[in-house]
C-alpha atoms as a PDB file:
ATOM      1  CA  MET A   1      -7.475   8.970  -2.570  1.00  0.00           C
ATOM      2  CA  CYS A   2      -5.440   7.267  -5.272  1.00  0.00           C
ATOM      3  CA  SER A   3      -7.109   5.140  -7.920  1.00  0.00           C
ATOM      4  CA  ALA A   4      -7.347   1.376  -7.394  1.00  0.00           C
ATOM      5  CA  ASP A   5      -5.185   0.542 -10.422  1.00  0.00           C
ATOM      6  CA  LYS A   6      -2.282   2.542  -8.947  1.00  0.00           C
ATOM      7  CA  ALA A   7      -2.797   1.530  -5.333  1.00  0.00           C
ATOM      8  CA  SER A   8      -0.691  -1.171  -3.737  1.00  0.00           C
ATOM      9  CA  TRP A   9      -2.247  -1.209  -0.278  1.00  0.00           C
ATOM     10  CA  LEU A  10      -5.676  -0.950   1.289  1.00  0.00           C
ATOM     11  CA  GLU A  11      -5.478   0.699   4.696  1.00  0.00           C
ATOM     12  CA  VAL A  12      -8.039  -0.446   7.248  1.00  0.00           C
ATOM     13  CA  SER A  13      -8.379   1.579  10.441  1.00  0.00           C
ATOM     14  CA  LEU A  14     -10.600   1.779  13.507  1.00  0.00           C
ATOM     15  CA  LEU A  15     -10.844   4.472  16.174  1.00  0.00           C
ATOM     16  CA  VAL A  16     -11.217   2.620  19.485  1.00  0.00           C
ATOM     17  CA  THR A  17     -10.604   2.970  23.215  1.00  0.00           C
ATOM     18  CA  PRO A  18      -7.179   2.046  24.640  1.00  0.00           C
ATOM     19  CA  GLU A  19      -8.809  -0.990  26.272  1.00  0.00           C
ATOM     20  CA  GLN A  20      -9.990  -2.255  22.880  1.00  0.00           C
ATOM     21  CA  ALA A  21      -6.792  -1.509  20.976  1.00  0.00           C
ATOM     22  CA  GLU A  22      -4.914  -4.727  21.714  1.00  0.00           C
ATOM     23  CA  ALA A  23      -7.774  -7.029  20.736  1.00  0.00           C
ATOM     24  CA  VAL A  24      -8.423  -5.049  17.535  1.00  0.00           C
ATOM     25  CA  ALA A  25      -4.717  -5.033  16.641  1.00  0.00           C
ATOM     26  CA  GLU A  26      -4.530  -8.788  17.177  1.00  0.00           C
ATOM     27  CA  VAL A  27      -7.392  -9.309  14.715  1.00  0.00           C
ATOM     28  CA  LEU A  28      -5.885  -6.939  12.127  1.00  0.00           C
ATOM     29  CA  GLY A  29      -2.516  -8.643  12.538  1.00  0.00           C
ATOM     30  CA  ARG A  30      -3.955 -11.934  11.295  1.00  0.00           C
ATOM     31  CA  PHE A  31      -4.637 -10.360   7.896  1.00  0.00           C
ATOM     32  CA  THR A  32      -1.990  -7.626   7.592  1.00  0.00           C
ATOM     33  CA  PRO A  33       1.432  -9.294   7.890  1.00  0.00           C
ATOM     34  CA  GLU A  34       3.311  -6.099   7.024  1.00  0.00           C
ATOM     35  CA  GLY A  35       2.356  -4.559  10.332  1.00  0.00           C
ATOM     36  CA  VAL A  36      -0.235  -2.890  12.504  1.00  0.00           C
ATOM     37  CA  VAL A  37       0.155   0.733  13.586  1.00  0.00           C
ATOM     38  CA  VAL A  38      -1.306   1.873  16.922  1.00  0.00           C
ATOM     39  CA  GLU A  39      -1.503   5.656  17.304  1.00  0.00           C
ATOM     40  CA  GLN A  40      -2.419   7.538  20.483  1.00  0.00           C
ATOM     41  CA  LEU A  41      -4.189  10.697  19.311  1.00  0.00           C
ATOM     42  CA  ALA A  42      -3.278  14.103  20.724  1.00  0.00           C
ATOM     43  CA  LYS A  43      -5.353  17.261  21.150  1.00  0.00           C
ATOM     44  CA  GLN A  44      -4.057  20.595  19.948  1.00  0.00           C
ATOM     45  CA  THR A  45      -4.219  23.140  22.774  1.00  0.00           C
ATOM     46  CA  SER A  46      -3.241  26.767  23.260  1.00  0.00           C
ATOM     47  CA  THR A  47      -0.759  25.741  25.988  1.00  0.00           C
ATOM     48  CA  PRO A  48       2.567  23.927  25.628  1.00  0.00           C
ATOM     49  CA  GLU A  49       0.968  20.813  27.172  1.00  0.00           C
ATOM     50  CA  THR A  50      -0.001  17.920  24.909  1.00  0.00           C
ATOM     51  CA  LEU A  51      -3.318  16.379  25.922  1.00  0.00           C
ATOM     52  CA  MET A  52      -3.954  12.807  24.831  1.00  0.00           C
ATOM     53  CA  GLU A  53      -7.313  11.891  23.326  1.00  0.00           C
ATOM     54  CA  PRO A  54      -9.229   9.018  24.949  1.00  0.00           C
ATOM     55  CA  LYS A  55      -9.169   7.219  21.582  1.00  0.00           C
ATOM     56  CA  VAL A  56      -6.554   5.184  19.739  1.00  0.00           C
ATOM     57  CA  ARG A  57      -6.345   4.619  15.981  1.00  0.00           C
ATOM     58  CA  VAL A  58      -5.438   1.062  14.989  1.00  0.00           C
ATOM     59  CA  SER A  59      -4.478   0.600  11.330  1.00  0.00           C
ATOM     60  CA  GLY A  60      -3.337  -2.289   9.156  1.00  0.00           C
ATOM     61  CA  TYR A  61      -2.555  -2.759   5.477  1.00  0.00           C
ATOM     62  CA  LEU A  62      -3.903  -5.316   3.015  1.00  0.00           C
ATOM     63  CA  PHE A  63      -1.993  -5.888  -0.226  1.00  0.00           C
ATOM     64  CA  VAL A  64      -4.000  -5.055  -3.343  1.00  0.00           C
ATOM     65  CA  ASP A  65      -4.047  -8.239  -5.416  1.00  0.00           C
ATOM     66  CA  ALA A  66      -6.491 -10.837  -6.714  1.00  0.00           C
ATOM     67  CA  HIS A  67      -7.232 -11.980  -3.152  1.00  0.00           C
ATOM     68  CA  LEU A  68      -8.020  -8.511  -1.757  1.00  0.00           C
ATOM     69  CA  GLU A  69     -11.820  -8.794  -1.691  1.00  0.00           C
ATOM     70  CA  GLN A  70     -11.668 -12.219  -0.082  1.00  0.00           C
ATOM     71  CA  GLU A  71      -9.204 -11.043   2.590  1.00  0.00           C
ATOM     72  CA  LYS A  72     -11.234  -7.874   3.198  1.00  0.00           C
ATOM     73  CA  GLN A  73     -14.393  -9.941   3.698  1.00  0.00           C
ATOM     74  CA  ARG A  74     -12.618 -12.314   6.110  1.00  0.00           C
ATOM     75  CA  LEU A  75     -11.254  -9.347   8.065  1.00  0.00           C
ATOM     76  CA  GLU A  76     -14.673  -7.714   8.295  1.00  0.00           C
ATOM     77  CA  GLU A  77     -16.146 -10.991   9.543  1.00  0.00           C
ATOM     78  CA  ALA A  78     -13.457 -11.293  12.231  1.00  0.00           C
ATOM     79  CA  LEU A  79     -14.112  -7.720  13.367  1.00  0.00           C
ATOM     80  CA  PHE A  80     -17.846  -8.419  13.392  1.00  0.00           C
ATOM     81  CA  TYR A  81     -17.395 -11.352  15.781  1.00  0.00           C
ATOM     82  CA  LEU A  82     -15.062  -9.307  17.988  1.00  0.00           C
ATOM     83  CA  GLY A  83     -17.716  -6.575  17.964  1.00  0.00           C
ATOM     84  CA  ARG A  84     -20.229  -9.008  19.440  1.00  0.00           C
ATOM     85  CA  ILE A  85     -18.004  -9.238  22.524  1.00  0.00           C
ATOM     86  CA  GLN A  86     -17.349  -5.506  22.770  1.00  0.00           C
ATOM     87  CA  SER A  87     -19.053  -2.860  20.625  1.00  0.00           C
ATOM     88  CA  LEU A  88     -16.716  -1.554  17.893  1.00  0.00           C
ATOM     89  CA  PRO A  89     -17.009   1.216  15.295  1.00  0.00           C
ATOM     90  CA  ASP A  90     -17.122   0.287  11.625  1.00  0.00           C
ATOM     91  CA  PRO A  91     -13.675   0.084   9.997  1.00  0.00           C
ATOM     92  CA  THR A  92     -12.703   2.680   7.405  1.00  0.00           C
ATOM     93  CA  PHE A  93     -10.822   1.736   4.232  1.00  0.00           C
ATOM     94  CA  LYS A  94      -8.457   3.844   2.102  1.00  0.00           C
ATOM     95  CA  LEU A  95      -6.351   2.931  -0.937  1.00  0.00           C
ATOM     96  CA  ILE A  96      -2.691   3.961  -0.643  1.00  0.00           C
ATOM     97  CA  GLN A  97       0.135   3.987  -3.181  1.00  0.00           C
ATOM     98  CA  ASP A  98       3.090   1.790  -2.309  1.00  0.00           C
ATOM     99  CA  GLU A  99       5.704   4.511  -1.943  1.00  0.00           C
ATOM    100  CA  ASN A 100       3.434   6.617   0.267  1.00  0.00           C
ATOM    101  CA  TRP A 101       2.545   3.649   2.459  1.00  0.00           C
ATOM    102  CA  MET A 102       6.139   2.539   2.962  1.00  0.00           C
ATOM    103  CA  ALA A 103       7.276   6.005   4.002  1.00  0.00           C
ATOM    104  CA  ALA A 104       4.330   6.506   6.342  1.00  0.00           C
ATOM    105  CA  TRP A 105       4.661   3.046   7.885  1.00  0.00           C
ATOM    106  CA  LYS A 106       8.376   3.344   8.552  1.00  0.00           C
ATOM    107  CA  ASP A 107       7.883   6.816   9.979  1.00  0.00           C
ATOM    108  CA  GLN A 108       5.864   5.278  12.843  1.00  0.00           C
ATOM    109  CA  TYR A 109       8.911   3.419  14.201  1.00  0.00           C
ATOM    110  CA  LYS A 110      11.874   5.223  15.769  1.00  0.00           C
ATOM    111  CA  PRO A 111      14.691   4.032  18.070  1.00  0.00           C
ATOM    112  CA  ILE A 112      13.516   3.859  21.691  1.00  0.00           C
ATOM    113  CA  LYS A 113      15.527   3.922  24.927  1.00  0.00           C
ATOM    114  CA  LEU A 114      14.149   1.639  27.619  1.00  0.00           C
ATOM    115  CA  GLY A 115      15.067   0.919  31.215  1.00  0.00           C
ATOM    116  CA  HIS A 116      18.644   1.346  32.362  1.00  0.00           C
ATOM    117  CA  ASN A 117      20.489  -0.223  29.448  1.00  0.00           C
ATOM    118  CA  LEU A 118      18.164  -1.207  26.580  1.00  0.00           C
ATOM    119  CA  ALA A 119      17.307   0.225  23.174  1.00  0.00           C
ATOM    120  CA  ILE A 120      14.763  -0.973  20.604  1.00  0.00           C
ATOM    121  CA  LEU A 121      15.707  -0.267  16.995  1.00  0.00           C
ATOM    122  CA  PRO A 122      13.695  -0.728  13.784  1.00  0.00           C
ATOM    123  CA  ALA A 123      15.564  -3.125  11.485  1.00  0.00           C
ATOM    124  CA  TRP A 124      16.490  -0.356   9.029  1.00  0.00           C
ATOM    125  CA  ALA A 125      17.613   2.301  11.539  1.00  0.00           C
ATOM    126  CA  ASP A 126      21.117   3.306  12.561  1.00  0.00           C
ATOM    127  CA  ASN A 127      21.912   2.790  16.243  1.00  0.00           C
ATOM    128  CA  PRO A 128      22.019   6.141  18.079  1.00  0.00           C
ATOM    129  CA  TYR A 129      22.636   4.394  21.423  1.00  0.00           C
ATOM    130  CA  PRO A 130      25.809   2.291  21.020  1.00  0.00           C
ATOM    131  CA  GLU A 131      26.308   2.182  24.791  1.00  0.00           C
ATOM    132  CA  ARG A 132      23.038   0.245  25.256  1.00  0.00           C
ATOM    133  CA  VAL A 133      21.963  -3.337  24.550  1.00  0.00           C
ATOM    134  CA  ALA A 134      20.276  -2.857  21.173  1.00  0.00           C
ATOM    135  CA  ILE A 135      17.425  -5.114  20.050  1.00  0.00           C
ATOM    136  CA  ARG A 136      16.593  -4.850  16.353  1.00  0.00           C
ATOM    137  CA  ILE A 137      13.003  -5.615  15.402  1.00  0.00           C
ATOM    138  CA  ASN A 138      11.313  -5.697  12.025  1.00  0.00           C
ATOM    139  CA  PRO A 139       7.849  -4.522  13.113  1.00  0.00           C
ATOM    140  CA  GLY A 140       5.748  -7.004  11.212  1.00  0.00           C
ATOM    141  CA  MET A 141       3.067  -7.430  13.875  1.00  0.00           C
ATOM    142  CA  ALA A 142       1.430  -5.485  16.686  1.00  0.00           C
ATOM    143  CA  PHE A 143       2.448  -5.347  20.322  1.00  0.00           C
ATOM    144  CA  GLY A 144       5.809  -6.863  19.756  1.00  0.00           C
ATOM    145  CA  THR A 145       7.728  -3.905  18.423  1.00  0.00           C
ATOM    146  CA  GLY A 146       8.735  -2.324  21.718  1.00  0.00           C
ATOM    147  CA  THR A 147       6.447   0.642  21.139  1.00  0.00           C
ATOM    148  CA  HIS A 148       3.553  -0.577  23.247  1.00  0.00           C
ATOM    149  CA  PRO A 149       3.521  -0.128  27.043  1.00  0.00           C
ATOM    150  CA  THR A 150       2.983  -3.841  27.687  1.00  0.00           C
ATOM    151  CA  THR A 151       6.238  -4.749  25.945  1.00  0.00           C
ATOM    152  CA  GLN A 152       8.145  -1.853  27.489  1.00  0.00           C
ATOM    153  CA  LEU A 153       7.058  -2.871  30.981  1.00  0.00           C
ATOM    154  CA  CYS A 154       8.189  -6.449  30.376  1.00  0.00           C
ATOM    155  CA  LEU A 155      11.598  -5.384  29.155  1.00  0.00           C
ATOM    156  CA  GLU A 156      12.143  -3.032  32.081  1.00  0.00           C
ATOM    157  CA  LEU A 157      11.281  -5.769  34.579  1.00  0.00           C
ATOM    158  CA  MET A 158      13.456  -8.283  32.732  1.00  0.00           C
ATOM    159  CA  GLU A 159      16.519  -6.122  33.349  1.00  0.00           C
ATOM    160  CA  ASN A 160      16.209  -7.053  37.028  1.00  0.00           C
ATOM    161  CA  CYS A 161      15.637 -10.769  36.378  1.00  0.00           C
ATOM    162  CA  VAL A 162      17.981 -11.899  33.611  1.00  0.00           C
ATOM    163  CA  VAL A 163      21.054 -13.475  35.173  1.00  0.00           C
ATOM    164  CA  PRO A 164      23.868 -14.537  32.816  1.00  0.00           C
ATOM    165  CA  GLY A 165      23.597 -18.207  31.927  1.00  0.00           C
ATOM    166  CA  ILE A 166      19.926 -18.822  32.763  1.00  0.00           C
ATOM    167  CA  ASP A 167      17.238 -20.237  30.475  1.00  0.00           C
ATOM    168  CA  VAL A 168      14.080 -18.248  29.770  1.00  0.00           C
ATOM    169  CA  ILE A 169      10.608 -19.352  28.645  1.00  0.00           C
ATOM    170  CA  ASP A 170       8.518 -16.797  26.718  1.00  0.00           C
ATOM    171  CA  VAL A 171       4.818 -17.686  26.376  1.00  0.00           C
ATOM    172  CA  GLY A 172       3.105 -15.775  23.564  1.00  0.00           C
ATOM    173  CA  CYS A 173       6.353 -14.654  21.961  1.00  0.00           C
ATOM    174  CA  GLY A 174       4.777 -12.389  19.291  1.00  0.00           C
ATOM    175  CA  SER A 175       7.703 -10.858  17.392  1.00  0.00           C
ATOM    176  CA  GLY A 176      10.214 -12.658  19.641  1.00  0.00           C
ATOM    177  CA  ILE A 177      11.345  -9.411  21.218  1.00  0.00           C
ATOM    178  CA  LEU A 178      11.397 -10.684  24.813  1.00  0.00           C
ATOM    179  CA  SER A 179      13.258 -13.889  23.963  1.00  0.00           C
ATOM    180  CA  ILE A 180      15.802 -11.985  21.902  1.00  0.00           C
ATOM    181  CA  ALA A 181      16.236  -9.360  24.611  1.00  0.00           C
ATOM    182  CA  ALA A 182      16.811 -12.093  27.185  1.00  0.00           C
ATOM    183  CA  VAL A 183      19.741 -13.651  25.340  1.00  0.00           C
ATOM    184  CA  LEU A 184      21.222 -10.263  24.436  1.00  0.00           C
ATOM    185  CA  MET A 185      21.126  -9.449  28.155  1.00  0.00           C
ATOM    186  CA  GLY A 186      23.051 -12.632  28.930  1.00  0.00           C
ATOM    187  CA  ALA A 187      20.595 -15.526  29.142  1.00  0.00           C
ATOM    188  CA  LYS A 188      21.981 -18.818  27.859  1.00  0.00           C
ATOM    189  CA  HIS A 189      18.894 -19.734  25.827  1.00  0.00           C
ATOM    190  CA  ALA A 190      15.313 -18.521  25.388  1.00  0.00           C
ATOM    191  CA  TYR A 191      12.390 -20.710  24.347  1.00  0.00           C
ATOM    192  CA  GLY A 192       9.328 -18.975  22.903  1.00  0.00           C
ATOM    193  CA  THR A 193       5.887 -20.239  21.911  1.00  0.00           C
ATOM    194  CA  ASP A 194       2.957 -18.613  20.172  1.00  0.00           C
ATOM    195  CA  ILE A 195      -0.309 -20.001  18.839  1.00  0.00           C
ATOM    196  CA  SER A 196       0.250 -17.992  15.630  1.00  0.00           C
ATOM    197  CA  ALA A 197       2.455 -19.508  12.924  1.00  0.00           C
ATOM    198  CA  ALA A 198       3.077 -15.983  11.596  1.00  0.00           C
ATOM    199  CA  ALA A 199       4.370 -14.924  15.016  1.00  0.00           C
ATOM    200  CA  VAL A 200       6.785 -17.856  15.115  1.00  0.00           C
ATOM    201  CA  GLN A 201       8.094 -16.950  11.661  1.00  0.00           C
ATOM    202  CA  SER A 202       8.441 -13.284  12.643  1.00  0.00           C
ATOM    203  CA  SER A 203      10.344 -14.322  15.787  1.00  0.00           C
ATOM    204  CA  LEU A 204      12.776 -16.436  13.775  1.00  0.00           C
ATOM    205  CA  GLU A 205      13.422 -13.568  11.354  1.00  0.00           C
ATOM    206  CA  ASN A 206      14.001 -11.094  14.176  1.00  0.00           C
ATOM    207  CA  ALA A 207      16.375 -13.519  15.902  1.00  0.00           C
ATOM    208  CA  ALA A 208      18.436 -13.640  12.712  1.00  0.00           C
ATOM    209  CA  LEU A 209      18.469  -9.828  12.579  1.00  0.00           C
ATOM    210  CA  ASN A 210      20.054  -9.832  16.042  1.00  0.00           C
ATOM    211  CA  GLN A 211      22.468 -12.701  15.296  1.00  0.00           C
ATOM    212  CA  ALA A 212      20.743 -14.622  18.089  1.00  0.00           C
ATOM    213  CA  SER A 213      19.389 -17.614  16.136  1.00  0.00           C
ATOM    214  CA  GLN A 214      21.636 -20.137  17.909  1.00  0.00           C
ATOM    215  CA  ARG A 215      20.417 -19.071  21.352  1.00  0.00           C
ATOM    216  CA  VAL A 216      16.658 -18.913  20.821  1.00  0.00           C
ATOM    217  CA  SER A 217      14.079 -21.549  19.880  1.00  0.00           C
ATOM    218  CA  PHE A 218      10.524 -20.827  18.747  1.00  0.00           C
ATOM    219  CA  ALA A 219       7.619 -23.201  18.245  1.00  0.00           C
ATOM    220  CA  ARG A 220       3.901 -22.975  17.688  1.00  0.00           C
ATOM    221  CA  GLY A 221       1.998 -23.826  20.854  1.00  0.00           C
ATOM    222  CA  SER A 222       1.370 -22.720  24.407  1.00  0.00           C
ATOM    223  CA  VAL A 223       1.772 -23.785  28.041  1.00  0.00           C
ATOM    224  CA  GLY A 224       0.458 -27.310  27.538  1.00  0.00           C
ATOM    225  CA  ASP A 225       2.924 -27.941  24.718  1.00  0.00           C
ATOM    226  CA  ILE A 226       5.880 -26.815  26.837  1.00  0.00           C
ATOM    227  CA  ASN A 227       4.748 -29.026  29.713  1.00  0.00           C
ATOM    228  CA  SER A 228       4.438 -31.911  27.233  1.00  0.00           C
ATOM    229  CA  GLY A 229       8.039 -31.586  26.052  1.00  0.00           C
ATOM    230  CA  ALA A 230       7.952 -29.259  23.027  1.00  0.00           C
ATOM    231  CA  PHE A 231      11.360 -27.949  24.189  1.00  0.00           C
ATOM    232  CA  PRO A 232      14.332 -29.579  25.925  1.00  0.00           C
ATOM    233  CA  ILE A 233      13.218 -27.869  29.155  1.00  0.00           C
ATOM    234  CA  THR A 234       9.856 -27.744  30.919  1.00  0.00           C
ATOM    235  CA  LYS A 235      10.866 -25.269  33.636  1.00  0.00           C
ATOM    236  CA  ALA A 236      12.961 -22.114  33.747  1.00  0.00           C
ATOM    237  CA  PRO A 237      14.138 -19.621  36.378  1.00  0.00           C
ATOM    238  CA  LEU A 238      12.452 -16.842  34.366  1.00  0.00           C
ATOM    239  CA  VAL A 239       9.142 -17.046  32.488  1.00  0.00           C
ATOM    240  CA  THR A 240       7.580 -14.104  30.628  1.00  0.00           C
ATOM    241  CA  VAL A 241       3.960 -13.763  29.478  1.00  0.00           C
ATOM    242  CA  ASN A 242       2.869 -10.655  27.575  1.00  0.00           C
ATOM    243  CA  ILE A 243      -0.641 -11.402  26.342  1.00  0.00           C
ATOM    244  CA  LEU A 244      -4.032 -10.373  27.763  1.00  0.00           C
ATOM    245  CA  ALA A 245      -5.299 -10.647  31.324  1.00  0.00           C
ATOM    246  CA  ALA A 246      -8.076 -13.110  30.459  1.00  0.00           C
ATOM    247  CA  ILE A 247      -5.618 -15.370  28.650  1.00  0.00           C
ATOM    248  CA  ILE A 248      -3.074 -15.146  31.467  1.00  0.00           C
ATOM    249  CA  MET A 249      -5.683 -16.353  33.951  1.00  0.00           C
ATOM    250  CA  ARG A 250      -6.614 -19.218  31.647  1.00  0.00           C
ATOM    251  CA  LEU A 251      -2.940 -20.143  31.296  1.00  0.00           C
ATOM    252  CA  PHE A 252      -2.709 -20.569  35.067  1.00  0.00           C
ATOM    253  CA  ASP A 253      -5.443 -23.204  34.741  1.00  0.00           C
ATOM    254  CA  GLU A 254      -3.391 -24.879  31.991  1.00  0.00           C
ATOM    255  CA  GLY A 255      -0.239 -25.156  34.118  1.00  0.00           C
ATOM    256  CA  LEU A 256       1.600 -21.850  33.729  1.00  0.00           C
ATOM    257  CA  ALA A 257       2.897 -22.010  37.307  1.00  0.00           C
ATOM    258  CA  ASP A 258       4.556 -25.365  36.572  1.00  0.00           C
ATOM    259  CA  LEU A 259       6.906 -23.667  34.090  1.00  0.00           C
ATOM    260  CA  VAL A 260       8.536 -21.531  36.806  1.00  0.00           C
ATOM    261  CA  MET A 261      11.266 -23.111  38.921  1.00  0.00           C
ATOM    262  CA  ALA A 262      11.057 -22.895  42.705  1.00  0.00           C
ATOM    263  CA  ASN A 263      12.070 -19.361  43.720  1.00  0.00           C
ATOM    264  CA  GLY A 264      11.963 -18.453  40.031  1.00  0.00           C
ATOM    265  CA  ASP A 265      10.582 -15.265  38.493  1.00  0.00           C
ATOM    266  CA  LEU A 266       7.387 -14.777  36.487  1.00  0.00           C
ATOM    267  CA  ILE A 267       6.742 -11.542  34.572  1.00  0.00           C
ATOM    268  CA  LEU A 268       3.154 -10.913  33.485  1.00  0.00           C
ATOM    269  CA  SER A 269       2.092  -8.045  31.229  1.00  0.00           C
ATOM    270  CA  GLY A 270      -0.771  -7.074  28.949  1.00  0.00           C
ATOM    271  CA  ILE A 271      -2.932  -6.339  31.989  1.00  0.00           C
ATOM    272  CA  LEU A 272      -5.235  -3.330  32.217  1.00  0.00           C
ATOM    273  CA  ALA A 273      -5.303  -1.673  35.643  1.00  0.00           C
ATOM    274  CA  PRO A 274      -8.874  -2.779  36.555  1.00  0.00           C
ATOM    275  CA  GLN A 275      -7.864  -6.402  35.821  1.00  0.00           C
ATOM    276  CA  ALA A 276      -4.663  -6.442  37.868  1.00  0.00           C
ATOM    277  CA  GLN A 277      -6.199  -7.533  41.169  1.00  0.00           C
ATOM    278  CA  GLU A 278      -7.948 -10.513  39.590  1.00  0.00           C
ATOM    279  CA  VAL A 279      -4.724 -11.654  37.914  1.00  0.00           C
ATOM    280  CA  LEU A 280      -2.837 -11.185  41.164  1.00  0.00           C
ATOM    281  CA  GLU A 281      -5.353 -13.286  43.084  1.00  0.00           C
ATOM    282  CA  LYS A 282      -4.960 -16.075  40.516  1.00  0.00           C
ATOM    283  CA  ALA A 283      -1.171 -15.898  40.800  1.00  0.00           C
ATOM    284  CA  THR A 284      -1.307 -15.903  44.601  1.00  0.00           C
ATOM    285  CA  LEU A 285      -3.400 -19.071  44.594  1.00  0.00           C
ATOM    286  CA  ALA A 286      -0.724 -20.640  42.390  1.00  0.00           C
ATOM    287  CA  GLY A 287       1.975 -19.867  44.976  1.00  0.00           C
ATOM    288  CA  PHE A 288       3.426 -16.555  43.779  1.00  0.00           C
ATOM    289  CA  ILE A 289       4.181 -13.378  45.692  1.00  0.00           C
ATOM    290  CA  VAL A 290       4.592  -9.869  44.284  1.00  0.00           C
ATOM    291  CA  VAL A 291       8.102  -8.509  43.905  1.00  0.00           C
ATOM    292  CA  GLU A 292       7.189  -5.428  41.893  1.00  0.00           C
ATOM    293  CA  LYS A 293       4.221  -3.866  40.144  1.00  0.00           C
ATOM    294  CA  ARG A 294       4.753  -1.277  37.403  1.00  0.00           C
ATOM    295  CA  ASN A 295       2.411   0.637  35.181  1.00  0.00           C
ATOM    296  CA  ILE A 296       2.445   2.898  32.136  1.00  0.00           C
ATOM    297  CA  GLU A 297      -0.842   4.773  31.857  1.00  0.00           C
ATOM    298  CA  ASP A 298      -3.594   2.104  32.168  1.00  0.00           C
ATOM    299  CA  TRP A 299      -1.283  -0.869  31.548  1.00  0.00           C
ATOM    300  CA  VAL A 300       0.155  -2.936  34.400  1.00  0.00           C
ATOM    301  CA  ALA A 301       2.962  -5.498  34.590  1.00  0.00           C
ATOM    302  CA  LEU A 302       3.741  -7.776  37.538  1.00  0.00           C
ATOM    303  CA  HIS A 303       7.052  -9.279  38.633  1.00  0.00           C
ATOM    304  CA  LEU A 304       6.195 -12.326  40.729  1.00  0.00           C
ATOM    305  CA  LYS A 305       8.285 -14.889  42.636  1.00  0.00           C
ATOM    306  CA  ASN A 306       7.418 -18.587  42.876  1.00  0.00           C
ATOM    307  CA  LYS A 307       7.516 -19.513  46.574  1.00  0.00           C
ATOM    308  CA  ILE A 308       6.247 -23.106  46.183  1.00  0.00           C
END
């Protein structure tokens, strides 16, 4: 471990189950604006097969400055309250020198091919897939970088739904990746909301990276704000929601279905397999039918059609 006077970052990490990873990463992301890393651990075996551990390491980085102890205390309090909902291990802390952190952090993010014609690129990387629609993302927050199954499932389903010239509404925009992908795939305009001011700022920065600023709009808020006129539109032929199953079901109560035009498409992701049926029942009551259901490991995404 490096000494505190030479350290620039304090790494905080927790070893959790895949089901806990998203909630833990969301909490860390409130305090670690430079990014959250989610690592699936692998077992070493005597065979060529790679066996995945049933645990995930979630890590974030606090800047070492005069506010470190205050931020560390606030983070520990937030994790404590999350731990009252679902039992969590204690976080571990490690001081890291700036140059070592930057190299390690950037090494987590590589170009990714997705679907039939998409590629996700870190902001600093060269494009190895010039034949694909490339979305550049500065991974400043979790679950919006294209590396997590929930985002990948959304993007794959969007390839079948984005028609040139349509508008798109993105609830819980995170890094803005879905909104940006929509316009790069041909949508006329994408409107994204998030309850986090940091997420809205990250979305705006990523839109600029992709030269898409004129075709996307981001605002702090949620379903109720869109229905109340936060944007020039209150309905769209395609609506995307990549959050958590419990929040998705609550959003239906707040008017999520009203955002989707008649015969329009709704893509829901962030759903763990055991929760999928409950989400589907909620969507069915709101007038939707299933077009497609996809999964990556324990994560499920739904492509639904509004038949009301």
